[in-house]
Protein backbone atom coordinates (compact mmCIF):
# COMPACT_ATOMS: atom_id res chain seq x y z
CA MET A 1 -6.27 7.86 3.37
CA VAL A 2 -6.25 9.47 6.27
CA GLY A 3 -6.89 12.71 5.47
CA ALA A 4 -4.27 15.95 6.68
CA THR A 5 -7.45 17.09 8.84
CA GLU A 6 -7.85 14.42 10.92
CA GLU A 7 -4.89 13.09 11.06
CA ALA A 8 -3.78 16.53 12.97
CA ARG A 9 -6.68 15.59 15.05
CA LEU A 10 -5.46 12.28 15.84
CA ASN A 11 -2.19 14.01 16.73
CA ARG A 12 -3.58 16.04 19.29
CA LEU A 13 -5.60 13.20 20.64
CA GLU A 14 -2.89 10.64 21.08
CA ILE A 15 -0.63 13.72 22.97
CA GLN A 16 -3.11 14.35 24.69
CA VAL A 17 -3.87 11.53 25.98
CA ASP A 18 -0.35 10.47 26.12
CA ASN A 19 -0.04 13.02 28.71
CA GLY A 20 -2.91 12.22 31.38
CA GLY A 21 -5.01 13.67 29.27
CA GLY A 22 -7.80 12.20 29.26
CA GLY A 23 -10.12 11.24 26.10
CA ALA A 24 -8.57 7.34 25.74
CA TRP A 25 -11.45 6.32 24.08
CA GLU A 26 -11.73 8.62 21.92
CA TYR A 27 -8.27 8.54 20.72
CA LEU A 28 -8.68 4.37 19.82
CA CYS A 29 -12.18 5.28 18.45
CA LEU A 30 -10.81 7.03 15.71
CA VAL A 31 -7.18 5.57 15.60
CA HIS A 32 -9.54 3.15 14.66
CA LYS A 33 -11.87 4.70 12.29
CA LEU A 34 -8.83 5.85 10.62
CA LYS A 35 -7.27 2.26 10.42
CA ALA A 36 -4.36 3.93 11.27
CA ARG A 37 -1.64 1.61 12.78
CA ARG A 38 -0.47 3.35 16.10
CA SER A 39 -0.12 -0.76 17.58
CA GLU A 40 2.23 0.46 20.79
CA LYS A 41 -0.12 3.37 21.50
CA VAL A 42 -3.53 1.23 21.04
CA LEU A 43 -2.13 -1.22 23.01
CA ARG A 44 -0.80 1.13 26.36
CA HIS A 45 -4.23 2.49 26.30
CA GLY A 46 -6.40 0.11 25.20
CA LEU A 47 -4.94 -2.03 28.22
CA PHE A 48 -5.47 1.06 30.54
CA ILE A 49 -9.04 0.67 29.93
CA LEU A 50 -9.58 -3.27 30.08
CA ASN A 51 -8.22 -3.05 32.55
CA SER A 52 -9.89 -0.58 35.22
CA PRO A 53 -12.85 -2.24 35.93
CA GLY A 54 -14.70 1.41 36.20
CA ALA A 55 -13.86 2.75 32.65
CA ARG A 56 -14.36 -1.12 31.41
CA SER A 57 -17.88 -1.09 32.19
CA LYS A 58 -18.47 2.49 30.95
CA LEU A 59 -18.06 0.98 27.00
CA GLY A 60 -21.57 -1.63 27.60
CA GLY A 61 -21.24 -2.98 24.61
CA LYS A 62 -18.04 -1.75 22.21
CA GLU A 63 -16.40 -3.24 25.17
CA TRP A 64 -15.42 -6.46 23.16
CA ALA A 65 -14.43 -4.69 20.02
CA LEU A 66 -11.58 -2.64 22.29
CA TYR A 67 -11.31 -6.31 22.88
CA GLU A 68 -10.26 -7.11 19.60
CA GLN A 69 -8.14 -3.71 18.86
CA VAL A 70 -5.88 -5.04 21.61
CA ALA A 71 -5.61 -8.19 20.66
CA VAL A 72 -4.56 -6.92 17.00
CA ALA A 73 -2.48 -4.37 18.37
CA ALA A 74 -0.51 -6.82 20.69
CA MET A 75 0.13 -9.36 17.76
CA ASP A 76 1.79 -6.33 16.36
CA CYS A 77 4.15 -5.01 19.12
CA HIS A 78 5.33 -9.14 18.83
CA ARG A 79 3.24 -9.16 22.86
CA ASN A 80 1.30 -13.12 22.70
CA ASP A 81 0.76 -13.53 25.54
CA ILE A 82 -1.98 -10.37 25.62
CA ALA A 83 -3.54 -11.34 22.59
CA ASN A 84 -3.94 -15.11 23.35
CA ASP A 85 -5.22 -13.33 26.64
CA CYS A 86 -7.91 -10.97 24.66
CA ILE A 87 -8.95 -14.00 22.45
CA GLU A 88 -9.28 -16.39 25.00
CA ALA A 89 -12.09 -13.81 26.86
CA LEU A 90 -13.76 -13.04 23.65
CA SER A 91 -13.83 -17.03 23.56
CA LYS A 92 -15.85 -16.93 26.00
CA LYS A 93 -18.25 -14.63 24.73
CA PHE A 94 -19.06 -15.44 21.58
CA PRO A 95 -17.77 -18.68 20.86
CA GLY A 96 -18.24 -20.16 17.31
CA SER A 97 -17.28 -17.09 16.60
CA ILE A 98 -15.89 -16.50 12.86
CA ARG A 99 -14.05 -12.77 13.86
CA VAL A 100 -12.51 -14.84 16.78
CA GLY A 101 -11.47 -17.59 14.64
CA ARG A 102 -10.05 -15.20 12.23
CA LEU A 103 -7.77 -14.12 15.41
CA LYS A 104 -6.86 -17.20 16.70
CA GLY A 105 -5.67 -17.48 12.87
CA MET A 106 -3.75 -14.43 12.73
CA LEU A 107 -2.47 -14.55 16.43
CA LEU A 108 -0.67 -18.67 14.80
CA GLU A 109 0.78 -16.20 11.70
CA ALA A 110 2.29 -14.16 14.45
CA LYS A 111 3.64 -17.46 16.64
CA GLY A 112 5.08 -18.50 13.67
CA ALA A 113 2.75 -21.48 13.44
CA TRP A 114 1.67 -21.20 9.23
CA PRO A 115 0.75 -24.65 8.73
CA ASP A 116 -1.42 -24.48 11.60
CA ALA A 117 -3.20 -20.83 10.85
CA GLU A 118 -4.15 -22.33 7.36
CA LYS A 119 -5.97 -25.28 9.14
CA VAL A 120 -7.85 -22.09 10.60
CA TYR A 121 -8.50 -20.29 8.01
CA ALA A 122 -9.43 -23.58 5.20
CA GLN A 123 -12.06 -24.52 8.19
CA LEU A 124 -13.51 -21.24 8.64
CA LEU A 125 -13.62 -20.80 4.75
CA VAL A 126 -15.80 -23.99 4.10
CA ASP A 127 -18.52 -22.41 5.92
CA ASN A 128 -18.11 -18.80 4.48
CA PRO A 129 -16.10 -18.91 1.16
CA LEU A 130 -16.00 -15.43 -0.14
CA ASP A 131 -13.93 -14.09 3.77
CA GLN A 132 -12.51 -11.16 2.40
CA VAL A 133 -10.38 -10.89 5.35
CA ILE A 134 -9.43 -14.82 5.99
CA LEU A 135 -8.78 -15.21 2.09
CA LYS A 136 -6.59 -11.95 2.61
CA ARG A 137 -4.66 -13.58 5.92
CA LYS A 138 -3.92 -16.87 2.94
CA VAL A 139 -2.57 -14.51 1.10
CA ALA A 140 -0.52 -12.84 3.97
CA ILE A 141 1.09 -15.95 5.20
CA ALA A 142 2.17 -16.77 1.46
CA LYS A 143 4.35 -13.48 1.56
CA ALA A 144 5.43 -13.88 5.30
CA GLN A 145 7.08 -17.07 4.02
CA GLY A 146 8.72 -15.37 1.05
CA ASN A 147 6.40 -17.05 -1.83
CA SER A 148 5.08 -14.30 -4.09
CA ALA A 149 4.21 -16.73 -6.54
CA ALA A 150 1.75 -18.51 -4.29
CA ALA A 151 0.53 -15.40 -2.76
CA ALA A 152 -0.05 -14.01 -6.88
CA GLU A 153 -1.95 -17.33 -7.33
CA TYR A 154 -4.32 -16.22 -3.99
CA LEU A 155 -4.34 -12.99 -5.05
CA ASN A 156 -5.78 -14.15 -8.29
CA ASN A 157 -7.95 -15.59 -7.60
CA TYR A 158 -9.42 -13.33 -4.72
CA LEU A 159 -9.85 -10.23 -7.57
CA GLU A 160 -11.79 -13.43 -9.13
CA ILE A 161 -15.04 -12.79 -7.24
CA PHE A 162 -13.64 -9.52 -5.79
CA MET A 163 -12.40 -7.21 -8.76
CA ALA A 164 -13.64 -4.21 -7.93
CA ASP A 165 -11.08 -4.31 -5.26
CA HIS A 166 -8.61 -1.91 -6.00
CA ASP A 167 -5.42 -2.33 -2.89
CA ALA A 168 -5.44 -5.84 -3.89
CA TRP A 169 -4.66 -5.23 -7.98
CA ARG A 170 -2.20 -2.85 -6.71
CA GLU A 171 -0.26 -5.33 -4.53
CA LEU A 172 -0.70 -7.38 -7.34
CA ALA A 173 0.75 -5.77 -9.83
CA GLU A 174 3.66 -4.71 -7.08
CA LEU A 175 3.90 -9.04 -5.43
CA TYR A 176 4.37 -9.25 -9.71
CA ILE A 177 7.68 -7.22 -10.27
CA SER A 178 8.88 -8.44 -7.23
CA ILE A 179 9.00 -11.46 -9.09
CA GLN A 180 9.73 -9.83 -12.22
CA MET A 181 6.41 -10.91 -14.58
CA TYR A 182 6.17 -7.09 -15.40
CA LYS A 183 3.43 -7.44 -17.99
CA GLN A 184 1.42 -8.95 -16.14
CA ALA A 185 2.03 -6.26 -13.77
CA ALA A 186 1.04 -3.82 -16.73
CA PHE A 187 -1.80 -5.48 -16.63
CA CYS A 188 -2.83 -5.23 -13.37
CA TYR A 189 -1.95 -1.53 -13.10
CA GLU A 190 -3.96 -1.11 -16.89
CA GLU A 191 -7.23 -2.23 -14.85
CA LEU A 192 -6.78 0.22 -11.89
CA ILE A 193 -6.73 3.21 -14.33
CA LEU A 194 -9.61 1.61 -15.89
CA SER A 195 -10.73 2.37 -12.54
CA GLN A 196 -9.76 5.33 -11.53
CA PRO A 197 -8.23 7.43 -14.31
CA MET A 198 -6.85 10.78 -12.24
CA ILE A 199 -5.12 8.51 -9.75
CA PRO A 200 -1.71 9.90 -11.26
CA LEU A 201 0.33 7.19 -8.99
CA TYR A 202 -1.34 4.25 -11.09
CA HIS A 203 -0.22 6.04 -14.37
CA LEU A 204 3.72 6.80 -13.10
CA ALA A 205 3.53 2.55 -12.04
CA TYR A 206 2.35 1.83 -14.77
CA ALA A 207 4.76 4.16 -16.91
CA ASP A 208 7.62 2.27 -15.15
CA VAL A 209 6.50 -0.82 -15.91
CA LEU A 210 6.28 -0.34 -19.23
CA TYR A 211 9.65 1.85 -19.45
CA THR A 212 11.36 -1.71 -17.72
CA ILE A 213 9.88 -3.68 -20.10
CA GLY A 214 12.06 -2.13 -23.09
CA GLY A 215 11.09 -1.92 -26.82
CA LEU A 216 10.06 0.80 -29.15
CA GLU A 217 6.33 0.02 -28.27
CA ASN A 218 6.66 0.25 -24.99
CA LEU A 219 8.66 2.97 -24.55
CA GLN A 220 6.72 5.40 -26.65
CA ALA A 221 3.52 4.27 -24.17
CA ALA A 222 5.84 4.75 -21.24
CA LYS A 223 6.28 8.15 -22.71
CA LYS A 224 2.88 8.54 -22.27
CA TYR A 225 2.06 7.77 -19.09
CA TYR A 226 4.14 9.86 -17.57
CA ALA A 227 3.23 12.74 -19.37
CA SER A 228 -0.08 12.12 -18.24
CA THR A 229 0.99 11.62 -15.06
CA ILE A 230 3.15 15.22 -14.83
CA LYS A 231 -0.48 16.41 -16.06
CA LEU A 232 -2.48 15.13 -13.49
CA THR A 233 0.06 16.56 -11.10
CA GLY A 234 0.36 20.02 -12.04
CA GLY A 235 3.51 19.37 -13.42
CA LYS A 236 4.96 18.63 -9.79
CA ASN A 237 6.56 14.67 -10.61
CA THR A 238 9.83 14.65 -10.79
CA ARG A 239 9.88 11.03 -11.04
CA ALA A 240 8.00 11.88 -14.15
CA LEU A 241 9.82 14.57 -15.46
CA TYR A 242 13.05 12.25 -15.79
CA GLY A 243 10.91 9.41 -16.80
CA ILE A 244 10.23 11.78 -20.00
CA CYS A 245 13.79 12.24 -20.56
CA LEU A 246 14.91 9.16 -19.88
CA CYS A 247 12.81 7.72 -22.06
CA SER A 248 13.00 10.09 -25.42
CA VAL A 249 17.22 9.10 -25.25
CA ALA A 250 15.47 5.23 -24.78
CA ILE A 251 13.62 6.06 -27.96
CA ASN A 252 15.99 8.35 -29.85
CA GLN A 253 18.52 5.27 -29.64
CA LEU A 254 15.93 2.72 -30.93
CA THR A 255 14.87 5.01 -33.78
CA LYS A 256 18.79 5.40 -35.30
CA GLY A 257 19.00 5.44 -38.81
CA ARG A 258 15.14 5.84 -39.14
CA ASN A 259 12.34 8.32 -42.36
CA LYS A 260 11.61 11.52 -40.13
CA ASP A 261 8.71 10.31 -39.83
CA GLU A 262 9.54 7.13 -37.40
CA LYS A 263 11.82 8.83 -35.48
CA GLU A 264 10.00 10.27 -32.12
CA ASN A 265 9.19 13.86 -31.76
CA ALA A 266 11.04 15.23 -29.35
CA ASP A 267 9.15 18.20 -28.49
CA LEU A 268 9.00 17.61 -24.33
CA GLN A 269 12.26 16.30 -23.54
CA PRO A 270 14.02 20.05 -23.25
CA LEU A 271 10.64 20.68 -21.54
CA ALA A 272 10.55 18.14 -19.12
CA ALA A 273 13.99 19.23 -18.10
CA GLU A 274 13.68 22.85 -18.24
CA ALA A 275 11.13 22.17 -14.80
CA LEU A 276 13.92 19.52 -13.28
CA LEU A 277 16.38 22.59 -13.25
CA LYS A 278 13.43 25.09 -12.67
CA ASP A 279 12.83 22.78 -9.55
CA TYR A 280 15.38 21.99 -8.48
CA LYS A 281 16.98 25.70 -8.32
CA GLU A 282 13.93 26.66 -5.95
CA ARG A 283 13.81 22.92 -3.90
CA ALA A 284 17.21 22.35 -4.20
CA PRO A 285 19.91 24.75 -5.38
CA GLU A 286 23.10 22.69 -4.09
CA LYS A 287 22.51 19.86 -6.48
CA LEU A 288 22.04 22.24 -9.17
CA PRO A 289 25.13 21.81 -11.34
CA LEU A 290 24.89 17.46 -10.86
CA VAL A 291 21.32 17.53 -12.42
CA THR A 292 22.62 20.20 -15.26
CA THR A 293 25.37 17.95 -16.19
CA LEU A 294 23.79 15.22 -16.27
CA LEU A 295 20.59 16.24 -17.83
CA SER A 296 23.26 18.16 -20.81
CA ILE A 297 23.91 14.55 -21.29
CA LYS A 298 21.36 13.16 -21.40
CA LEU A 299 20.33 15.81 -24.29
CA ASP A 300 22.67 15.05 -26.59
CA ALA A 301 22.47 11.02 -26.30
């Protein structure tokens, strides 16, 4: 994730370069370092350098990294002609390169030639079966074709090898949610919480999935994870506060008529409601009457 300081520096450089103040190469390097997606700017300024013999000669060996960067940006901007020119230049310089092979596969993807792209990746995987980029490209192809089940299967196979890839676990969870496989999505978030317990986003997403699955046990667990989200964010997560209220109402409905010992402790619900009202009063006072009415209905439910 790009920090605020780095983001500000990148924005300053972008304005400088756009206004003809120089620093295009520095800007492109920073975009690459931060993995920022600013394809139109990369294409524009990268092409300017590549088409200027003097500017290009100053790059030395880094010229080829720029060709690769511009090729990816061109595909992102639907300029497959430019991407093809860059890839051809790279192919002449690095015949048989795996990285160039990946770019060829990506260009086929950009053209919608999915079977041809899969053939390229399959050939590359023969000699490099653990290439993470190529394995992820297979997932991307399945997603682009709307085949979420196949994408989930590819990601599962990938995670059997690269179990510490947190982004892959999160993407797999989102894929499972998209095909309503909520128990499998919950497992993914459990893995993420175990490996990175201080990230509130994972606690919140896990609570959402448990709430969706429903049932007394899941609702009670969801309430706990909404509470942990609130704790990790210093009480500032509006979604988690609403989650506490919704879980409390659902749990109370499920435990009606039970013994007092079996009923849900409702201490958190009024606290969450109070925090929500305070938040809306400070940040969106015009919506306060609506939220007050909503919460009063929920509290009486």
